[in-house]
Protein backbone atom coordinates (compact mmCIF):
# COMPACT_ATOMS: atom_id res chain seq x y z
CA MET A 1 55.35 34.77 115.74
CA PRO A 2 57.47 31.71 115.27
CA ARG A 3 55.87 28.21 114.72
CA GLY A 4 55.24 26.50 118.05
CA SER A 5 54.52 29.49 120.18
CA ASN A 6 51.79 29.57 122.75
CA ALA A 7 49.24 32.08 123.89
CA LYS A 8 51.57 33.41 126.62
CA ARG A 9 54.25 34.06 124.17
CA GLU A 10 51.82 35.77 121.69
CA ARG A 11 50.83 38.15 124.51
CA GLN A 12 54.44 38.77 125.43
CA TYR A 13 55.31 39.55 121.86
CA GLU A 14 52.34 41.99 121.32
CA HIS A 15 53.12 43.74 124.75
CA ILE A 16 56.82 44.20 123.77
CA LYS A 17 55.92 45.41 120.23
CA ASP A 18 53.42 47.94 121.63
CA SER A 19 55.99 49.16 124.17
CA ALA A 20 58.64 49.65 121.45
CA LYS A 21 56.15 51.62 119.37
CA GLU A 22 55.19 53.81 122.37
CA ARG A 23 59.03 54.50 122.68
CA GLY A 24 59.00 55.78 119.09
CA GLU A 25 60.48 52.81 117.33
CA SER A 26 59.25 52.15 113.73
CA ASP A 27 56.82 49.21 113.15
CA GLU A 28 59.45 47.05 111.59
CA ARG A 29 62.01 47.73 114.34
CA ALA A 30 59.31 47.10 117.04
CA LYS A 31 58.52 43.69 115.57
CA GLU A 32 62.24 42.79 115.43
CA ILE A 33 62.72 43.80 119.02
CA ALA A 34 59.68 41.83 120.03
CA ALA A 35 60.60 38.67 118.14
CA ARG A 36 64.20 38.55 119.38
CA THR A 37 63.13 39.01 122.90
CA VAL A 38 60.43 36.35 122.80
CA ASN A 39 62.74 33.98 120.96
CA LYS A 40 65.40 34.35 123.65
CA GLU A 41 62.85 33.89 126.43
CA ARG A 42 61.60 30.73 124.65
CA ALA A 43 65.22 29.33 124.42
CA ARG A 44 65.83 30.20 128.03
CA ALA A 45 62.59 28.29 129.08
CA GLY A 46 63.47 25.21 126.87
CA GLU A 47 60.67 25.91 124.35
CA SER A 48 62.77 25.99 121.27
CA ARG A 49 64.54 23.27 119.41
CA ILE A 50 67.81 25.20 118.91
CA ALA A 51 69.16 27.72 121.36
CA SER A 52 72.48 29.58 121.33
CA ARG A 53 74.75 29.43 124.36
CA THR A 54 74.27 33.13 124.99
CA SER A 55 70.44 32.71 124.85
CA THR A 56 70.57 30.14 127.66
CA GLN A 57 73.53 31.42 129.85
CA ASP A 58 73.28 35.25 129.55
CA MET A 59 71.10 37.31 131.87
CA SER A 60 67.33 37.56 131.06
CA SER A 61 66.27 40.20 128.51
CA TYR A 62 64.23 41.96 131.05
CA ARG A 63 67.10 42.18 133.63
CA ARG A 64 69.47 43.48 131.10
CA GLY A 65 67.07 46.08 129.72
CA GLY A 66 66.59 47.42 133.16
CA GLN A 67 70.28 47.65 133.78
CA ARG A 68 70.56 49.78 130.57
CA SER A 69 67.61 51.99 131.45
CA HIS A 70 68.17 55.73 131.02
CA SER A 71 66.10 56.27 134.16
CA GLY A 72 68.12 53.98 136.21
CA SER A 73 70.28 55.23 139.20
CA ALA A 74 73.46 55.30 137.09
CA GLY A 75 71.68 56.76 134.01
CA PRO A 76 72.77 55.95 130.47
CA THR A 77 75.82 53.92 129.94
CA LYS A 78 79.06 55.45 128.62
CA ASP A 79 78.60 53.74 125.26
CA GLN A 80 75.01 55.40 124.94
CA LEU A 81 76.46 58.78 125.82
CA TYR A 82 79.41 58.25 123.35
CA ASN A 83 76.98 57.31 120.66
CA GLU A 84 74.70 60.30 121.24
CA ALA A 85 77.82 62.53 121.29
CA ARG A 86 78.92 60.97 117.81
CA GLN A 87 75.54 61.70 116.49
CA ARG A 88 75.69 65.29 117.62
CA GLY A 89 79.23 65.64 116.29
CA ILE A 90 80.89 66.58 119.52
CA LYS A 91 84.67 66.84 119.11
CA GLY A 92 87.07 64.98 121.54
CA ARG A 93 84.50 62.45 122.53
CA SER A 94 86.78 59.41 122.15
CA THR A 95 89.01 60.74 125.19
CA MET A 96 86.18 61.79 127.31
CA THR A 97 85.14 60.07 130.67
CA LYS A 98 81.53 59.19 131.28
CA ALA A 99 81.07 62.32 133.38
CA GLN A 100 82.67 64.55 130.51
CA LEU A 101 80.42 63.06 127.97
CA SER A 102 77.40 63.76 130.28
CA ARG A 103 78.53 67.33 130.60
CA ALA A 104 79.21 67.90 126.95
CA LEU A 105 75.65 66.56 126.11
CA GLY A 106 74.26 68.93 128.71
CA ARG A 107 72.79 66.41 131.05
């Protein structure tokens, strides 16, 4: 955890890191996700000396994560579907709509 953090941020960091590990992220990636999220929340709360404009003016990490959730009402975003199609090597993906990408991936 960064210098100057408090007990709440320590718990938040551990919770986010554990959640990322449960989703199958590597230990290093889980630590990175947790650190970035906690640092952004610290900036939004005015707990850090330096904060980027996007950290303070963008929507919160938790709200954004919920909007991009695979289990949400709209499902995965078109970008998420496109990236999965690219990984699977599906041809013609660049001209497909979200619905077409979803069908091509068998969803």
